[in-house]
Amino acid sequence: MSTVIFAPDRKGFVVSGEGVLATKRRENKGLRYMRGQMYEHLEEAAKRYYGGETAAIDDFFQLYSIGEEERKKAKAKLTEGGAQ
């Protein structure tokens, strides 16, 4: 496994990425707004990542509650290995 770079644990607002992207028969204005926000957050994550802030991707995943279990396992593995 390659090195995983973690952003600080997110404390506060998080969103269900799956919920934002879910397709409903009737368009929900709140979901439409959140899809726009998700796109803006992706743009920001790309700028941060390509600007050298590699933990930006972890931060994005935390914001949208994506890969929560995988993140816990990766952090536990890192802790077990004694790395920081």
PDB file of N, CA and C in Angstrom:
ATOM      1  N   MET A   1       0.849  -1.183   0.000  1.00  0.00           N
ATOM      2  CA  MET A   1       0.000   0.000   0.000  1.00  0.00           C
ATOM      3  C   MET A   1       0.890   1.241   0.000  1.00  0.00           C
ATOM      4  N   SER A   2       0.548   2.226  -0.833  1.00  0.00           N
ATOM      5  CA  SER A   2       1.319   3.463  -0.829  1.00  0.00           C
ATOM      6  C   SER A   2       0.955   4.311   0.373  1.00  0.00           C
ATOM      7  N   THR A   3       1.709   5.345   0.554  1.00  0.00           N
ATOM      8  CA  THR A   3       1.488   6.237   1.681  1.00  0.00           C
ATOM      9  C   THR A   3       0.155   6.952   1.543  1.00  0.00           C
ATOM     10  N   VAL A   4      -0.604   6.957   2.611  1.00  0.00           N
ATOM     11  CA  VAL A   4      -1.880   7.670   2.648  1.00  0.00           C
ATOM     12  C   VAL A   4      -1.656   8.969   3.399  1.00  0.00           C
ATOM     13  N   ILE A   5      -2.093  10.068   2.821  1.00  0.00           N
ATOM     14  CA  ILE A   5      -1.950  11.365   3.472  1.00  0.00           C
ATOM     15  C   ILE A   5      -3.320  11.786   3.971  1.00  0.00           C
ATOM     16  N   PHE A   6      -3.423  12.001   5.276  1.00  0.00           N
ATOM     17  CA  PHE A   6      -4.699  12.339   5.891  1.00  0.00           C
ATOM     18  C   PHE A   6      -4.825  13.833   6.132  1.00  0.00           C
ATOM     19  N   ALA A   7      -6.028  14.337   5.909  1.00  0.00           N
ATOM     20  CA  ALA A   7      -6.384  15.684   6.344  1.00  0.00           C
ATOM     21  C   ALA A   7      -6.763  15.565   7.816  1.00  0.00           C
ATOM     22  N   PRO A   8      -6.801  16.664   8.551  1.00  0.00           N
ATOM     23  CA  PRO A   8      -7.277  16.581   9.935  1.00  0.00           C
ATOM     24  C   PRO A   8      -8.704  16.024   9.966  1.00  0.00           C
ATOM     25  N   ASP A   9      -9.036  15.298  11.034  1.00  0.00           N
ATOM     26  CA  ASP A   9     -10.397  14.772  11.164  1.00  0.00           C
ATOM     27  C   ASP A   9     -11.388  15.922  11.094  1.00  0.00           C
ATOM     28  N   ARG A  10     -12.400  15.763  10.263  1.00  0.00           N
ATOM     29  CA  ARG A  10     -13.403  16.809  10.082  1.00  0.00           C
ATOM     30  C   ARG A  10     -14.333  16.812  11.285  1.00  0.00           C
ATOM     31  N   LYS A  11     -14.510  17.965  11.887  1.00  0.00           N
ATOM     32  CA  LYS A  11     -15.377  18.124  13.065  1.00  0.00           C
ATOM     33  C   LYS A  11     -16.486  19.096  12.698  1.00  0.00           C
ATOM     34  N   GLY A  12     -17.588  18.656  12.302  1.00  0.00           N
ATOM     35  CA  GLY A  12     -18.644  19.596  11.955  1.00  0.00           C
ATOM     36  C   GLY A  12     -19.407  19.122  10.744  1.00  0.00           C
ATOM     37  N   PHE A  13     -19.693  20.064   9.874  1.00  0.00           N
ATOM     38  CA  PHE A  13     -20.574  19.818   8.747  1.00  0.00           C
ATOM     39  C   PHE A  13     -20.019  18.761   7.801  1.00  0.00           C
ATOM     40  N   VAL A  14     -20.807  17.735   7.566  1.00  0.00           N
ATOM     41  CA  VAL A  14     -20.525  16.738   6.540  1.00  0.00           C
ATOM     42  C   VAL A  14     -21.820  16.463   5.788  1.00  0.00           C
ATOM     43  N   VAL A  15     -21.700  15.946   4.588  1.00  0.00           N
ATOM     44  CA  VAL A  15     -22.841  15.718   3.713  1.00  0.00           C
ATOM     45  C   VAL A  15     -22.758  14.292   3.189  1.00  0.00           C
ATOM     46  N   SER A  16     -23.891  13.684   2.911  1.00  0.00           N
ATOM     47  CA  SER A  16     -23.897  12.375   2.275  1.00  0.00           C
ATOM     48  C   SER A  16     -23.705  12.565   0.771  1.00  0.00           C
ATOM     49  N   GLY A  17     -22.522  12.212   0.275  1.00  0.00           N
ATOM     50  CA  GLY A  17     -22.262  12.316  -1.158  1.00  0.00           C
ATOM     51  C   GLY A  17     -23.225  11.460  -1.956  1.00  0.00           C
ATOM     52  N   GLU A  18     -23.531  10.291  -1.449  1.00  0.00           N
ATOM     53  CA  GLU A  18     -24.481   9.406  -2.119  1.00  0.00           C
ATOM     54  C   GLU A  18     -25.846  10.072  -2.219  1.00  0.00           C
ATOM     55  N   GLY A  19     -26.269  10.717  -1.135  1.00  0.00           N
ATOM     56  CA  GLY A  19     -27.565  11.399  -1.137  1.00  0.00           C
ATOM     57  C   GLY A  19     -27.614  12.554  -2.115  1.00  0.00           C
ATOM     58  N   VAL A  20     -26.516  13.300  -2.224  1.00  0.00           N
ATOM     59  CA  VAL A  20     -26.463  14.438  -3.146  1.00  0.00           C
ATOM     60  C   VAL A  20     -26.578  13.958  -4.586  1.00  0.00           C
ATOM     61  N   LEU A  21     -25.946  12.842  -4.891  1.00  0.00           N
ATOM     62  CA  LEU A  21     -25.919  12.356  -6.265  1.00  0.00           C
ATOM     63  C   LEU A  21     -27.087  11.449  -6.623  1.00  0.00           C
ATOM     64  N   ALA A  22     -27.891  11.065  -5.637  1.00  0.00           N
ATOM     65  CA  ALA A  22     -29.022  10.170  -5.898  1.00  0.00           C
ATOM     66  C   ALA A  22     -29.998  10.823  -6.875  1.00  0.00           C
ATOM     67  N   THR A  23     -30.477  10.028  -7.808  1.00  0.00           N
ATOM     68  CA  THR A  23     -31.439  10.531  -8.784  1.00  0.00           C
ATOM     69  C   THR A  23     -32.845  10.231  -8.289  1.00  0.00           C
ATOM     70  N   LYS A  24     -33.649  11.241  -8.270  1.00  0.00           N
ATOM     71  CA  LYS A  24     -35.042  11.099  -7.845  1.00  0.00           C
ATOM     72  C   LYS A  24     -35.934  11.391  -9.041  1.00  0.00           C
ATOM     73  N   ARG A  25     -37.153  10.880  -9.007  1.00  0.00           N
ATOM     74  CA  ARG A  25     -38.090  11.180 -10.083  1.00  0.00           C
ATOM     75  C   ARG A  25     -38.376  12.662 -10.165  1.00  0.00           C
ATOM     76  N   ARG A  26     -38.678  13.238  -9.030  1.00  0.00           N
ATOM     77  CA  ARG A  26     -38.937  14.674  -8.985  1.00  0.00           C
ATOM     78  C   ARG A  26     -37.686  15.378  -8.520  1.00  0.00           C
ATOM     79  N   GLU A  27     -37.320  16.423  -9.229  1.00  0.00           N
ATOM     80  CA  GLU A  27     -36.114  17.174  -8.855  1.00  0.00           C
ATOM     81  C   GLU A  27     -36.333  17.875  -7.527  1.00  0.00           C
ATOM     82  N   ASN A  28     -35.399  17.702  -6.633  1.00  0.00           N
ATOM     83  CA  ASN A  28     -35.444  18.326  -5.325  1.00  0.00           C
ATOM     84  C   ASN A  28     -34.530  19.543  -5.365  1.00  0.00           C
ATOM     85  N   LYS A  29     -35.066  20.729  -5.043  1.00  0.00           N
ATOM     86  CA  LYS A  29     -34.271  21.961  -5.117  1.00  0.00           C
ATOM     87  C   LYS A  29     -33.062  21.906  -4.191  1.00  0.00           C
ATOM     88  N   GLY A  30     -33.237  21.304  -3.022  1.00  0.00           N
ATOM     89  CA  GLY A  30     -32.117  21.182  -2.094  1.00  0.00           C
ATOM     90  C   GLY A  30     -30.998  20.334  -2.674  1.00  0.00           C
ATOM     91  N   LEU A  31     -31.370  19.221  -3.320  1.00  0.00           N
ATOM     92  CA  LEU A  31     -30.355  18.361  -3.933  1.00  0.00           C
ATOM     93  C   LEU A  31     -29.685  19.059  -5.111  1.00  0.00           C
ATOM     94  N   ARG A  32     -30.454  19.814  -5.872  1.00  0.00           N
ATOM     95  CA  ARG A  32     -29.877  20.551  -7.003  1.00  0.00           C
ATOM     96  C   ARG A  32     -28.817  21.533  -6.478  1.00  0.00           C
ATOM     97  N   TYR A  33     -29.147  22.211  -5.403  1.00  0.00           N
ATOM     98  CA  TYR A  33     -28.198  23.143  -4.778  1.00  0.00           C
ATOM     99  C   TYR A  33     -26.950  22.393  -4.308  1.00  0.00           C
ATOM    100  N   MET A  34     -27.150  21.257  -3.638  1.00  0.00           N
ATOM    101  CA  MET A  34     -26.014  20.504  -3.102  1.00  0.00           C
ATOM    102  C   MET A  34     -25.141  19.939  -4.222  1.00  0.00           C
ATOM    103  N   ARG A  35     -25.745  19.569  -5.361  1.00  0.00           N
ATOM    104  CA  ARG A  35     -24.928  19.102  -6.486  1.00  0.00           C
ATOM    105  C   ARG A  35     -24.024  20.230  -6.982  1.00  0.00           C
ATOM    106  N   GLY A  36     -24.568  21.442  -7.022  1.00  0.00           N
ATOM    107  CA  GLY A  36     -23.754  22.601  -7.404  1.00  0.00           C
ATOM    108  C   GLY A  36     -22.623  22.827  -6.420  1.00  0.00           C
ATOM    109  N   GLN A  37     -22.939  22.686  -5.133  1.00  0.00           N
ATOM    110  CA  GLN A  37     -21.916  22.843  -4.101  1.00  0.00           C
ATOM    111  C   GLN A  37     -20.849  21.760  -4.228  1.00  0.00           C
ATOM    112  N   MET A  38     -21.291  20.530  -4.522  1.00  0.00           N
ATOM    113  CA  MET A  38     -20.342  19.435  -4.657  1.00  0.00           C
ATOM    114  C   MET A  38     -19.372  19.728  -5.800  1.00  0.00           C
ATOM    115  N   TYR A  39     -19.884  20.256  -6.894  1.00  0.00           N
ATOM    116  CA  TYR A  39     -19.011  20.592  -8.018  1.00  0.00           C
ATOM    117  C   TYR A  39     -17.988  21.651  -7.597  1.00  0.00           C
ATOM    118  N   GLU A  40     -18.444  22.666  -6.885  1.00  0.00           N
ATOM    119  CA  GLU A  40     -17.524  23.706  -6.408  1.00  0.00           C
ATOM    120  C   GLU A  40     -16.469  23.116  -5.474  1.00  0.00           C
ATOM    121  N   HIS A  41     -16.894  22.183  -4.622  1.00  0.00           N
ATOM    122  CA  HIS A  41     -15.953  21.544  -3.703  1.00  0.00           C
ATOM    123  C   HIS A  41     -14.946  20.681  -4.467  1.00  0.00           C
ATOM    124  N   LEU A  42     -15.397  20.040  -5.547  1.00  0.00           N
ATOM    125  CA  LEU A  42     -14.473  19.266  -6.381  1.00  0.00           C
ATOM    126  C   LEU A  42     -13.444  20.185  -7.038  1.00  0.00           C
ATOM    127  N   GLU A  43     -13.908  21.328  -7.527  1.00  0.00           N
ATOM    128  CA  GLU A  43     -12.993  22.308  -8.123  1.00  0.00           C
ATOM    129  C   GLU A  43     -11.949  22.752  -7.090  1.00  0.00           C
ATOM    130  N   GLU A  44     -12.422  23.049  -5.879  1.00  0.00           N
ATOM    131  CA  GLU A  44     -11.510  23.473  -4.808  1.00  0.00           C
ATOM    132  C   GLU A  44     -10.521  22.365  -4.462  1.00  0.00           C
ATOM    133  N   ALA A  45     -11.023  21.127  -4.364  1.00  0.00           N
ATOM    134  CA  ALA A  45     -10.145  19.995  -4.043  1.00  0.00           C
ATOM    135  C   ALA A  45      -9.072  19.827  -5.117  1.00  0.00           C
ATOM    136  N   ALA A  46      -9.455  19.987  -6.379  1.00  0.00           N
ATOM    137  CA  ALA A  46      -8.486  19.859  -7.471  1.00  0.00           C
ATOM    138  C   ALA A  46      -7.411  20.938  -7.371  1.00  0.00           C
ATOM    139  N   LYS A  47      -7.823  22.166  -7.119  1.00  0.00           N
ATOM    140  CA  LYS A  47      -6.849  23.263  -7.001  1.00  0.00           C
ATOM    141  C   LYS A  47      -5.892  23.017  -5.837  1.00  0.00           C
ATOM    142  N   ARG A  48      -6.447  22.580  -4.709  1.00  0.00           N
ATOM    143  CA  ARG A  48      -5.605  22.317  -3.540  1.00  0.00           C
ATOM    144  C   ARG A  48      -4.657  21.149  -3.812  1.00  0.00           C
ATOM    145  N   TYR A  49      -5.207  20.067  -4.385  1.00  0.00           N
ATOM    146  CA  TYR A  49      -4.408  18.871  -4.649  1.00  0.00           C
ATOM    147  C   TYR A  49      -3.267  19.178  -5.613  1.00  0.00           C
ATOM    148  N   TYR A  50      -3.595  19.804  -6.732  1.00  0.00           N
ATOM    149  CA  TYR A  50      -2.561  20.098  -7.729  1.00  0.00           C
ATOM    150  C   TYR A  50      -1.644  21.226  -7.291  1.00  0.00           C
ATOM    151  N   GLY A  51      -2.053  21.945  -6.264  1.00  0.00           N
ATOM    152  CA  GLY A  51      -1.183  22.952  -5.658  1.00  0.00           C
ATOM    153  C   GLY A  51      -0.244  22.348  -4.621  1.00  0.00           C
ATOM    154  N   GLY A  52      -0.306  21.031  -4.467  1.00  0.00           N
ATOM    155  CA  GLY A  52       0.613  20.342  -3.565  1.00  0.00           C
ATOM    156  C   GLY A  52       0.006  19.903  -2.246  1.00  0.00           C
ATOM    157  N   GLU A  53      -1.245  20.250  -2.005  1.00  0.00           N
ATOM    158  CA  GLU A  53      -1.902  19.868  -0.747  1.00  0.00           C
ATOM    159  C   GLU A  53      -2.632  18.536  -0.959  1.00  0.00           C
ATOM    160  N   THR A  54      -1.874  17.452  -0.893  1.00  0.00           N
ATOM    161  CA  THR A  54      -2.430  16.147  -1.235  1.00  0.00           C
ATOM    162  C   THR A  54      -3.514  15.665  -0.276  1.00  0.00           C
ATOM    163  N   ALA A  55      -3.546  16.175   0.942  1.00  0.00           N
ATOM    164  CA  ALA A  55      -4.589  15.776   1.897  1.00  0.00           C
ATOM    165  C   ALA A  55      -5.953  16.357   1.517  1.00  0.00           C
ATOM    166  N   ALA A  56      -6.007  17.209   0.494  1.00  0.00           N
ATOM    167  CA  ALA A  56      -7.278  17.808   0.069  1.00  0.00           C
ATOM    168  C   ALA A  56      -8.289  16.746  -0.345  1.00  0.00           C
ATOM    169  N   ILE A  57      -7.817  15.658  -0.911  1.00  0.00           N
ATOM    170  CA  ILE A  57      -8.729  14.599  -1.348  1.00  0.00           C
ATOM    171  C   ILE A  57      -9.352  13.918  -0.133  1.00  0.00           C
ATOM    172  N   ASP A  58      -8.551  13.651   0.879  1.00  0.00           N
ATOM    173  CA  ASP A  58      -9.082  13.077   2.117  1.00  0.00           C
ATOM    174  C   ASP A  58     -10.114  14.019   2.731  1.00  0.00           C
ATOM    175  N   ASP A  59      -9.837  15.315   2.712  1.00  0.00           N
ATOM    176  CA  ASP A  59     -10.768  16.304   3.255  1.00  0.00           C
ATOM    177  C   ASP A  59     -12.097  16.271   2.492  1.00  0.00           C
ATOM    178  N   PHE A  60     -12.036  16.185   1.166  1.00  0.00           N
ATOM    179  CA  PHE A  60     -13.247  16.105   0.341  1.00  0.00           C
ATOM    180  C   PHE A  60     -14.046  14.847   0.688  1.00  0.00           C
ATOM    181  N   PHE A  61     -13.354  13.709   0.775  1.00  0.00           N
ATOM    182  CA  PHE A  61     -14.039  12.463   1.117  1.00  0.00           C
ATOM    183  C   PHE A  61     -14.715  12.559   2.481  1.00  0.00           C
ATOM    184  N   GLN A  62     -14.057  13.213   3.435  1.00  0.00           N
ATOM    185  CA  GLN A  62     -14.670  13.385   4.751  1.00  0.00           C
ATOM    186  C   GLN A  62     -15.921  14.252   4.666  1.00  0.00           C
ATOM    187  N   LEU A  63     -15.827  15.353   3.910  1.00  0.00           N
ATOM    188  CA  LEU A  63     -16.956  16.275   3.787  1.00  0.00           C
ATOM    189  C   LEU A  63     -18.196  15.562   3.271  1.00  0.00           C
ATOM    190  N   TYR A  64     -18.018  14.659   2.305  1.00  0.00           N
ATOM    191  CA  TYR A  64     -19.151  13.968   1.696  1.00  0.00           C
ATOM    192  C   TYR A  64     -19.349  12.550   2.231  1.00  0.00           C
ATOM    193  N   SER A  65     -18.748  12.249   3.351  1.00  0.00           N
ATOM    194  CA  SER A  65     -18.934  10.949   4.018  1.00  0.00           C
ATOM    195  C   SER A  65     -18.686   9.779   3.067  1.00  0.00           C
ATOM    196  N   ILE A  66     -17.594   9.845   2.336  1.00  0.00           N
ATOM    197  CA  ILE A  66     -17.242   8.798   1.374  1.00  0.00           C
ATOM    198  C   ILE A  66     -16.056   8.016   1.931  1.00  0.00           C
ATOM    199  N   GLY A  67     -16.180   6.693   1.968  1.00  0.00           N
ATOM    200  CA  GLY A  67     -15.071   5.842   2.397  1.00  0.00           C
ATOM    201  C   GLY A  67     -14.757   5.917   3.878  1.00  0.00           C
ATOM    202  N   GLU A  68     -15.770   6.154   4.696  1.00  0.00           N
ATOM    203  CA  GLU A  68     -15.536   6.316   6.138  1.00  0.00           C
ATOM    204  C   GLU A  68     -14.860   5.095   6.763  1.00  0.00           C
ATOM    205  N   GLU A  69     -15.341   3.907   6.438  1.00  0.00           N
ATOM    206  CA  GLU A  69     -14.760   2.688   7.021  1.00  0.00           C
ATOM    207  C   GLU A  69     -13.337   2.465   6.520  1.00  0.00           C
ATOM    208  N   GLU A  70     -13.122   2.710   5.223  1.00  0.00           N
ATOM    209  CA  GLU A  70     -11.785   2.538   4.660  1.00  0.00           C
ATOM    210  C   GLU A  70     -10.800   3.508   5.305  1.00  0.00           C
ATOM    211  N   ARG A  71     -11.252   4.735   5.584  1.00  0.00           N
ATOM    212  CA  ARG A  71     -10.390   5.732   6.230  1.00  0.00           C
ATOM    213  C   ARG A  71     -10.022   5.271   7.642  1.00  0.00           C
ATOM    214  N   LYS A  72     -11.016   4.759   8.374  1.00  0.00           N
ATOM    215  CA  LYS A  72     -10.747   4.266   9.735  1.00  0.00           C
ATOM    216  C   LYS A  72      -9.704   3.151   9.700  1.00  0.00           C
ATOM    217  N   LYS A  73      -9.866   2.220   8.751  1.00  0.00           N
ATOM    218  CA  LYS A  73      -8.923   1.106   8.639  1.00  0.00           C
ATOM    219  C   LYS A  73      -7.527   1.599   8.276  1.00  0.00           C
ATOM    220  N   ALA A  74      -7.448   2.548   7.343  1.00  0.00           N
ATOM    221  CA  ALA A  74      -6.145   3.071   6.924  1.00  0.00           C
ATOM    222  C   ALA A  74      -5.457   3.802   8.071  1.00  0.00           C
ATOM    223  N   LYS A  75      -6.238   4.571   8.848  1.00  0.00           N
ATOM    224  CA  LYS A  75      -5.645   5.282   9.989  1.00  0.00           C
ATOM    225  C   LYS A  75      -5.184   4.293  11.054  1.00  0.00           C
ATOM    226  N   ALA A  76      -5.969   3.238  11.282  1.00  0.00           N
ATOM    227  CA  ALA A  76      -5.587   2.224  12.268  1.00  0.00           C
ATOM    228  C   ALA A  76      -4.308   1.519  11.824  1.00  0.00           C
ATOM    229  N   LYS A  77      -4.223   1.208  10.536  1.00  0.00           N
ATOM    230  CA  LYS A  77      -3.035   0.542  10.004  1.00  0.00           C
ATOM    231  C   LYS A  77      -1.813   1.440  10.160  1.00  0.00           C
ATOM    232  N   LEU A  78      -1.989   2.719   9.927  1.00  0.00           N
ATOM    233  CA  LEU A  78      -0.900   3.682  10.074  1.00  0.00           C
ATOM    234  C   LEU A  78      -0.447   3.754  11.530  1.00  0.00           C
ATOM    235  N   THR A  79      -1.404   3.759  12.449  1.00  0.00           N
ATOM    236  CA  THR A  79      -1.104   3.814  13.878  1.00  0.00           C
ATOM    237  C   THR A  79      -0.368   2.548  14.318  1.00  0.00           C
ATOM    238  N   GLU A  80      -0.829   1.389  13.823  1.00  0.00           N
ATOM    239  CA  GLU A  80      -0.182   0.121  14.168  1.00  0.00           C
ATOM    240  C   GLU A  80       1.261   0.084  13.685  1.00  0.00           C
ATOM    241  N   GLY A  81       1.504   0.701  12.523  1.00  0.00           N
ATOM    242  CA  GLY A  81       2.847   0.699  11.949  1.00  0.00           C
ATOM    243  C   GLY A  81       3.791   1.671  12.625  1.00  0.00           C
ATOM    244  N   GLY A  82       3.249   2.517  13.506  1.00  0.00           N
ATOM    245  CA  GLY A  82       4.082   3.457  14.236  1.00  0.00           C
ATOM    246  C   GLY A  82       4.419   4.725  13.476  1.00  0.00           C
ATOM    247  N   ALA A  83       3.874   4.874  12.269  1.00  0.00           N
ATOM    248  CA  ALA A  83       4.138   6.104  11.506  1.00  0.00           C
ATOM    249  C   ALA A  83       3.205   7.200  11.980  1.00  0.00           C
ATOM    250  N   GLN A  84       3.522   8.440  11.609  1.00  0.00           N
ATOM    251  CA  GLN A  84       2.681   9.558  12.040  1.00  0.00           C
ATOM    252  C   GLN A  84       1.853  10.071  10.917  1.00  0.00           C
TER     253      GLN A  84
END
